[in-house]
Amino acid sequence: MVQITPKDNQRALQRAKGVLESRLAATSTLQDLATIAEDCCCTRHHRNKIWGSGLAQELANRWQNEIRNDLGLTTDGRNLSVKTEDTKTSVPITFAKHQVQKEETLLSKLRSAIDPLACKTGSLYFYTHADDAFGGMIKIGYTSRTIDSRLHEWAECGNGYPRLYSPSGVRHPERVELLIHFELVEWWYAQRWCERHHKAHIEWFKVDLDRVRTVARFWCQWMQDANPYDRRGRLKALWVGYIQFLVQHDSPVTAAAMVQIQKIEEGTDEVYEFIDDKALRKKQDAVVKEEVEEE
């Protein structure tokens, strides 16, 4: 669960104090009240929604009215009663860091079971928009249908759809997409609001295309060559053990590591080229010595 942080609470309290001390005289009052409304929402979904839908501004207007009346501010001897009007305007294309839940990690996603109803084969797609507002942000998604049909749907957002990369024939594409997202979590952003769909789009990444291509290629390769999940969608015991091995040796769990382990399993790579471990080298030296003595 993504919670409101103490920093968010403190910021909201400081803004509220400033509003009261100014007795609503500051020109920034409405914006401060709208920001307070946002800070009181979780950063995963609700903060984007209250901002993009215009609800934060509506609350700011309402709060301003209530505070004025409570302070007894009058106009011509009468209490000021401000009618809350529909001030919703088109919001600009804006991105913010996507907030994942604390328990959500690449490891947890890798170990979790695949939904038996999820598509078995599909495609990935990566694209951006020419508009400067996107700043090279890359959207990473999957589809079980044709790439063109999916991109046509995204084009309804009104930004076009130049395609950058779209591997097809991907085994368990939804899981591969998820693993890519969490390997690139450091660069994960959300488009805060889409006017067309009335929600945030969270699958955007501020990262160069070469990195995306590499990470995607390795996860696709591993999923295809290793076939690591059984018929029930559970990670096979062999790979549970390999992942535990990496964790024990403080080695990063990445797509590249998974591919190299699969090569070791196939006999095309040596484990000693993969991880520098004294116990493993000592054991290997003993085996080699024994083989030499037998000759």
Protein backbone atom coordinates (compact mmCIF):
# COMPACT_ATOMS: atom_id res chain seq x y z
CA MET A 1 0.00 0.00 0.00
CA VAL A 2 1.35 3.45 -0.96
CA GLN A 3 0.88 5.69 2.08
CA ILE A 4 0.96 9.43 2.54
CA THR A 5 4.44 10.21 3.86
CA PRO A 6 5.27 12.32 6.93
CA LYS A 7 6.91 14.75 4.48
CA ASP A 8 3.60 15.12 2.63
CA ASN A 9 1.77 15.71 5.93
CA GLN A 10 4.31 18.30 7.05
CA ARG A 11 4.14 20.14 3.73
CA ALA A 12 0.33 20.23 3.84
CA LEU A 13 0.35 21.54 7.42
CA GLN A 14 2.85 24.27 6.55
CA ARG A 15 0.74 25.39 3.60
CA ALA A 16 -2.42 25.38 5.73
CA LYS A 17 -0.68 27.50 8.36
CA GLY A 18 0.41 29.98 5.69
CA VAL A 19 -3.12 30.24 4.32
CA LEU A 20 -4.59 30.96 7.76
CA GLU A 21 -1.88 33.48 8.68
CA SER A 22 -2.45 35.40 5.46
CA ARG A 23 -6.21 35.37 6.12
CA LEU A 24 -6.61 34.40 2.44
CA ALA A 25 -4.93 37.63 1.34
CA ALA A 26 -2.13 35.93 -0.61
CA THR A 27 -2.64 35.62 -4.34
CA SER A 28 -1.40 32.03 -4.17
CA THR A 29 -4.13 30.97 -1.72
CA LEU A 30 -6.22 28.95 -4.18
CA GLN A 31 -3.17 27.14 -5.52
CA ASP A 32 -1.97 26.44 -1.97
CA LEU A 33 -5.35 24.96 -1.06
CA ALA A 34 -5.37 22.84 -4.21
CA THR A 35 -1.87 21.58 -3.39
CA ILE A 36 -2.99 20.71 0.15
CA ALA A 37 -5.78 18.61 -1.35
CA GLU A 38 -3.25 16.78 -3.53
CA ASP A 39 -0.83 16.22 -0.64
CA CYS A 40 -3.62 14.53 1.32
CA CYS A 41 -3.94 11.82 -1.36
CA CYS A 42 -1.71 8.81 -2.02
CA THR A 43 0.89 9.29 -4.74
CA ARG A 44 0.12 6.07 -6.61
CA HIS A 45 -3.22 6.95 -8.22
CA HIS A 46 -5.41 9.37 -6.26
CA ARG A 47 -3.07 12.36 -6.33
CA ASN A 48 -2.98 12.25 -10.13
CA LYS A 49 -6.76 11.80 -10.30
CA ILE A 50 -7.63 14.69 -8.01
CA TRP A 51 -5.25 16.93 -9.96
CA GLY A 52 -6.23 15.91 -13.49
CA SER A 53 -9.98 15.76 -12.90
CA GLY A 54 -10.11 19.29 -11.50
CA LEU A 55 -11.39 18.08 -8.13
CA ALA A 56 -8.43 19.67 -6.32
CA GLN A 57 -9.41 23.07 -7.70
CA GLU A 58 -13.06 22.53 -6.77
CA LEU A 59 -12.04 21.66 -3.22
CA ALA A 60 -9.78 24.72 -3.08
CA ASN A 61 -12.70 26.97 -4.03
CA ARG A 62 -14.96 25.31 -1.47
CA TRP A 63 -12.36 25.51 1.30
CA GLN A 64 -11.65 29.15 0.52
CA ASN A 65 -15.35 29.92 0.85
CA GLU A 66 -15.63 28.01 4.14
CA ILE A 67 -12.52 29.63 5.60
CA ARG A 68 -13.70 33.12 4.63
CA ASN A 69 -17.06 32.55 6.29
CA ASP A 70 -15.44 31.02 9.37
CA LEU A 71 -13.11 34.03 9.70
CA GLY A 72 -16.10 36.34 9.38
CA LEU A 73 -14.71 38.08 6.33
CA THR A 74 -17.48 40.24 4.87
CA THR A 75 -18.26 42.29 1.83
CA ASP A 76 -20.65 45.28 2.30
CA GLY A 77 -21.54 43.99 5.73
CA ARG A 78 -22.52 40.56 4.49
CA ASN A 79 -20.78 37.23 4.85
CA LEU A 80 -18.98 36.41 1.61
CA SER A 81 -20.48 33.37 0.01
CA VAL A 82 -18.38 32.33 -2.96
CA LYS A 83 -20.14 30.09 -5.43
CA THR A 84 -17.95 27.22 -6.50
CA GLU A 85 -17.77 27.37 -10.25
CA ASP A 86 -16.57 24.84 -12.74
CA THR A 87 -13.01 26.04 -13.26
CA LYS A 88 -11.85 22.85 -14.91
CA THR A 89 -9.56 23.57 -17.83
CA SER A 90 -7.46 21.39 -20.06
CA VAL A 91 -4.48 20.09 -18.08
CA PRO A 92 -1.00 20.07 -19.62
CA ILE A 93 0.86 16.86 -20.37
CA THR A 94 2.77 16.31 -17.13
CA PHE A 95 4.81 13.41 -15.77
CA ALA A 96 5.62 12.38 -12.20
CA LYS A 97 7.58 9.49 -10.71
CA HIS A 98 5.40 6.40 -10.49
CA GLN A 99 5.10 5.11 -6.94
CA VAL A 100 5.27 1.35 -6.47
CA GLN A 101 4.21 -0.36 -3.29
CA LYS A 102 6.97 -1.23 -0.85
CA GLU A 103 6.48 -4.97 -1.30
CA GLU A 104 6.55 -4.71 -5.09
CA THR A 105 10.01 -5.57 -6.43
CA LEU A 106 11.51 -7.33 -9.40
CA LEU A 107 12.08 -10.35 -7.16
CA SER A 108 8.49 -10.48 -5.95
CA LYS A 109 7.14 -10.21 -9.49
CA LEU A 110 9.56 -12.83 -10.79
CA ARG A 111 8.55 -15.28 -8.07
CA SER A 112 4.80 -14.67 -8.34
CA ALA A 113 2.56 -17.03 -10.30
CA ILE A 114 1.34 -16.19 -13.78
CA ASP A 115 -2.43 -15.95 -14.17
CA PRO A 116 -3.54 -19.14 -15.98
CA LEU A 117 -5.92 -17.00 -18.05
CA ALA A 118 -3.17 -14.64 -19.23
CA CYS A 119 -2.27 -14.83 -22.91
CA LYS A 120 0.48 -17.33 -23.71
CA THR A 121 1.93 -15.46 -26.70
CA GLY A 122 1.82 -11.84 -27.76
CA SER A 123 3.85 -8.75 -28.59
CA LEU A 124 5.59 -5.91 -26.79
CA TYR A 125 5.58 -2.33 -28.01
CA PHE A 126 7.67 0.68 -27.13
CA TYR A 127 6.89 4.16 -28.43
CA THR A 128 7.11 7.86 -27.70
CA HIS A 129 5.62 11.06 -29.10
CA ALA A 130 7.22 13.92 -31.01
CA ASP A 131 5.63 16.51 -28.71
CA ASP A 132 8.31 18.22 -26.59
CA ALA A 133 6.17 17.59 -23.51
CA PHE A 134 7.10 13.90 -23.66
CA GLY A 135 10.83 14.63 -23.62
CA GLY A 136 11.75 11.23 -25.03
CA MET A 137 9.61 9.33 -22.50
CA ILE A 138 9.05 5.76 -23.72
CA LYS A 139 5.83 3.85 -23.16
CA ILE A 140 6.30 0.12 -22.58
CA GLY A 141 3.32 -2.16 -23.04
CA TYR A 142 2.14 -5.51 -24.36
CA THR A 143 -0.76 -6.81 -26.40
CA SER A 144 -2.18 -10.15 -27.44
CA ARG A 145 -3.60 -8.52 -30.57
CA THR A 146 -1.85 -6.84 -33.48
CA ILE A 147 0.52 -4.00 -32.72
CA ASP A 148 -1.29 -1.68 -35.12
CA SER A 149 -4.67 -2.20 -33.44
CA ARG A 150 -3.22 -1.48 -29.99
CA LEU A 151 -1.33 1.60 -31.12
CA HIS A 152 -4.47 2.83 -32.86
CA GLU A 153 -6.19 2.78 -29.46
CA TRP A 154 -3.36 4.73 -27.86
CA ALA A 155 -3.51 7.22 -30.74
CA GLU A 156 -6.94 8.20 -29.39
CA CYS A 157 -5.06 10.08 -26.67
CA GLY A 158 -4.39 12.59 -29.44
CA ASN A 159 -0.60 12.42 -29.50
CA GLY A 160 0.10 10.15 -32.48
CA TYR A 161 2.06 6.92 -32.20
CA PRO A 162 5.55 6.73 -33.70
CA ARG A 163 6.72 3.18 -33.06
CA LEU A 164 10.23 2.58 -31.76
CA TYR A 165 10.42 -1.17 -31.22
CA SER A 166 7.90 -4.01 -31.21
CA PRO A 167 9.11 -7.61 -30.74
CA SER A 168 6.45 -10.21 -31.49
CA GLY A 169 6.04 -13.90 -30.68
CA VAL A 170 6.85 -13.22 -27.02
CA ARG A 171 6.07 -16.00 -24.56
CA HIS A 172 4.01 -14.78 -21.57
CA PRO A 173 4.11 -11.15 -22.80
CA GLU A 174 2.25 -9.73 -19.79
CA ARG A 175 4.84 -11.19 -17.40
CA VAL A 176 7.72 -10.05 -19.61
CA GLU A 177 6.26 -6.54 -19.66
CA LEU A 178 6.02 -6.58 -15.85
CA LEU A 179 9.63 -7.74 -15.45
CA ILE A 180 10.84 -5.01 -17.80
CA HIS A 181 8.90 -2.41 -15.80
CA PHE A 182 10.47 -3.46 -12.51
CA GLU A 183 14.00 -3.76 -13.86
CA LEU A 184 13.60 -0.17 -15.07
CA VAL A 185 11.77 0.97 -11.92
CA GLU A 186 14.34 3.71 -11.28
CA TRP A 187 13.17 5.46 -14.45
CA TRP A 188 9.44 4.70 -14.13
CA TYR A 189 7.08 7.65 -14.57
CA ALA A 190 3.35 8.22 -14.98
CA GLN A 191 1.57 10.60 -17.30
CA ARG A 192 -0.48 12.28 -14.60
CA TRP A 193 -3.66 12.70 -16.59
CA CYS A 194 -5.07 11.79 -20.00
CA GLU A 195 -7.96 13.99 -21.11
CA ARG A 196 -9.25 11.31 -23.48
CA HIS A 197 -9.33 8.42 -20.99
CA HIS A 198 -9.85 10.46 -17.78
CA LYS A 199 -7.08 8.71 -15.90
CA ALA A 200 -3.32 8.51 -15.52
CA HIS A 201 -1.21 6.35 -17.84
CA ILE A 202 1.50 4.80 -15.71
CA GLU A 203 3.68 2.84 -18.12
CA TRP A 204 6.15 5.57 -19.14
CA PHE A 205 9.92 5.42 -18.66
CA LYS A 206 12.51 8.17 -18.82
CA VAL A 207 15.27 6.00 -20.23
CA ASP A 208 17.15 5.67 -23.50
CA LEU A 209 15.84 3.26 -26.12
CA ASP A 210 19.03 1.17 -26.22
CA ARG A 211 18.62 0.22 -22.56
CA VAL A 212 14.96 -0.64 -23.13
CA ARG A 213 15.85 -2.79 -26.16
CA THR A 214 18.55 -4.65 -24.23
CA VAL A 215 16.46 -5.35 -21.14
CA ALA A 216 13.48 -6.42 -23.25
CA ARG A 217 15.59 -8.65 -25.48
CA PHE A 218 17.09 -10.48 -22.50
CA TRP A 219 13.75 -11.05 -20.75
CA CYS A 220 12.20 -12.29 -24.00
CA GLN A 221 15.16 -14.59 -24.60
CA TRP A 222 15.07 -15.99 -21.08
CA MET A 223 11.33 -16.60 -21.18
CA GLN A 224 11.63 -18.37 -24.53
CA ASP A 225 14.74 -20.48 -23.86
CA ALA A 226 14.22 -21.31 -20.18
CA ASN A 227 10.41 -21.66 -20.16
CA PRO A 228 10.73 -21.00 -16.39
CA TYR A 229 7.05 -21.28 -15.38
CA ASP A 230 5.15 -24.56 -15.16
CA ARG A 231 1.68 -25.34 -16.48
CA ARG A 232 0.07 -23.81 -13.39
CA GLY A 233 2.00 -20.59 -13.90
CA ARG A 234 4.37 -21.16 -10.99
CA LEU A 235 8.09 -20.51 -11.19
CA LYS A 236 9.87 -23.85 -11.51
CA ALA A 237 11.90 -25.06 -8.54
CA LEU A 238 15.10 -24.93 -10.61
CA TRP A 239 14.73 -21.19 -11.09
CA VAL A 240 13.59 -20.59 -7.53
CA GLY A 241 16.93 -22.09 -6.52
CA TYR A 242 18.94 -20.04 -9.00
CA ILE A 243 17.32 -16.81 -7.84
CA GLN A 244 17.99 -17.71 -4.21
CA PHE A 245 21.62 -18.36 -5.19
CA LEU A 246 21.91 -14.85 -6.64
CA VAL A 247 20.35 -13.31 -3.54
CA GLN A 248 22.71 -15.22 -1.23
CA HIS A 249 25.72 -14.01 -3.22
CA ASP A 250 24.48 -10.41 -3.35
CA SER A 251 24.34 -10.59 -7.12
CA PRO A 252 21.74 -8.43 -8.88
CA VAL A 253 18.74 -10.26 -10.29
CA THR A 254 18.46 -8.91 -13.82
CA ALA A 255 17.43 -10.09 -17.26
CA ALA A 256 21.09 -10.40 -18.23
CA ALA A 257 21.77 -12.61 -15.20
CA MET A 258 18.82 -14.87 -16.05
CA VAL A 259 20.06 -15.31 -19.61
CA GLN A 260 23.58 -16.14 -18.48
CA ILE A 261 22.30 -18.69 -15.97
CA GLN A 262 20.28 -20.31 -18.74
CA LYS A 263 23.46 -20.52 -20.85
CA ILE A 264 25.21 -22.18 -17.91
CA GLU A 265 22.32 -24.62 -17.65
CA GLU A 266 22.68 -25.39 -21.36
CA GLY A 267 26.44 -25.86 -20.98
CA THR A 268 27.47 -22.95 -23.20
CA ASP A 269 28.82 -20.84 -20.30
CA GLU A 270 30.79 -21.72 -17.15
CA VAL A 271 29.43 -20.76 -13.75
CA TYR A 272 32.88 -19.46 -12.76
CA GLU A 273 32.68 -16.86 -15.49
CA PHE A 274 29.41 -15.70 -13.99
CA ILE A 275 30.18 -15.31 -10.30
CA ASP A 276 33.45 -14.96 -8.40
CA ASP A 277 33.00 -17.31 -5.46
CA LYS A 278 35.94 -18.77 -3.47
CA ALA A 279 34.01 -21.84 -2.36
CA LEU A 280 33.04 -22.64 -5.93
CA ARG A 281 36.62 -22.13 -7.19
CA LYS A 282 38.01 -24.32 -4.42
CA LYS A 283 35.56 -27.06 -5.27
CA GLN A 284 36.40 -26.78 -8.97
CA ASP A 285 40.16 -26.94 -8.25
CA ALA A 286 39.63 -30.12 -6.23
CA VAL A 287 37.67 -31.72 -9.06
CA VAL A 288 40.34 -30.80 -11.61
CA LYS A 289 43.10 -32.14 -9.37
CA GLU A 290 41.22 -35.41 -8.90
CA GLU A 291 40.73 -35.77 -12.64
CA VAL A 292 44.45 -35.16 -13.28
CA GLU A 293 45.49 -37.75 -10.68
CA GLU A 294 43.17 -40.32 -12.27
CA GLU A 295 44.88 -39.79 -15.62
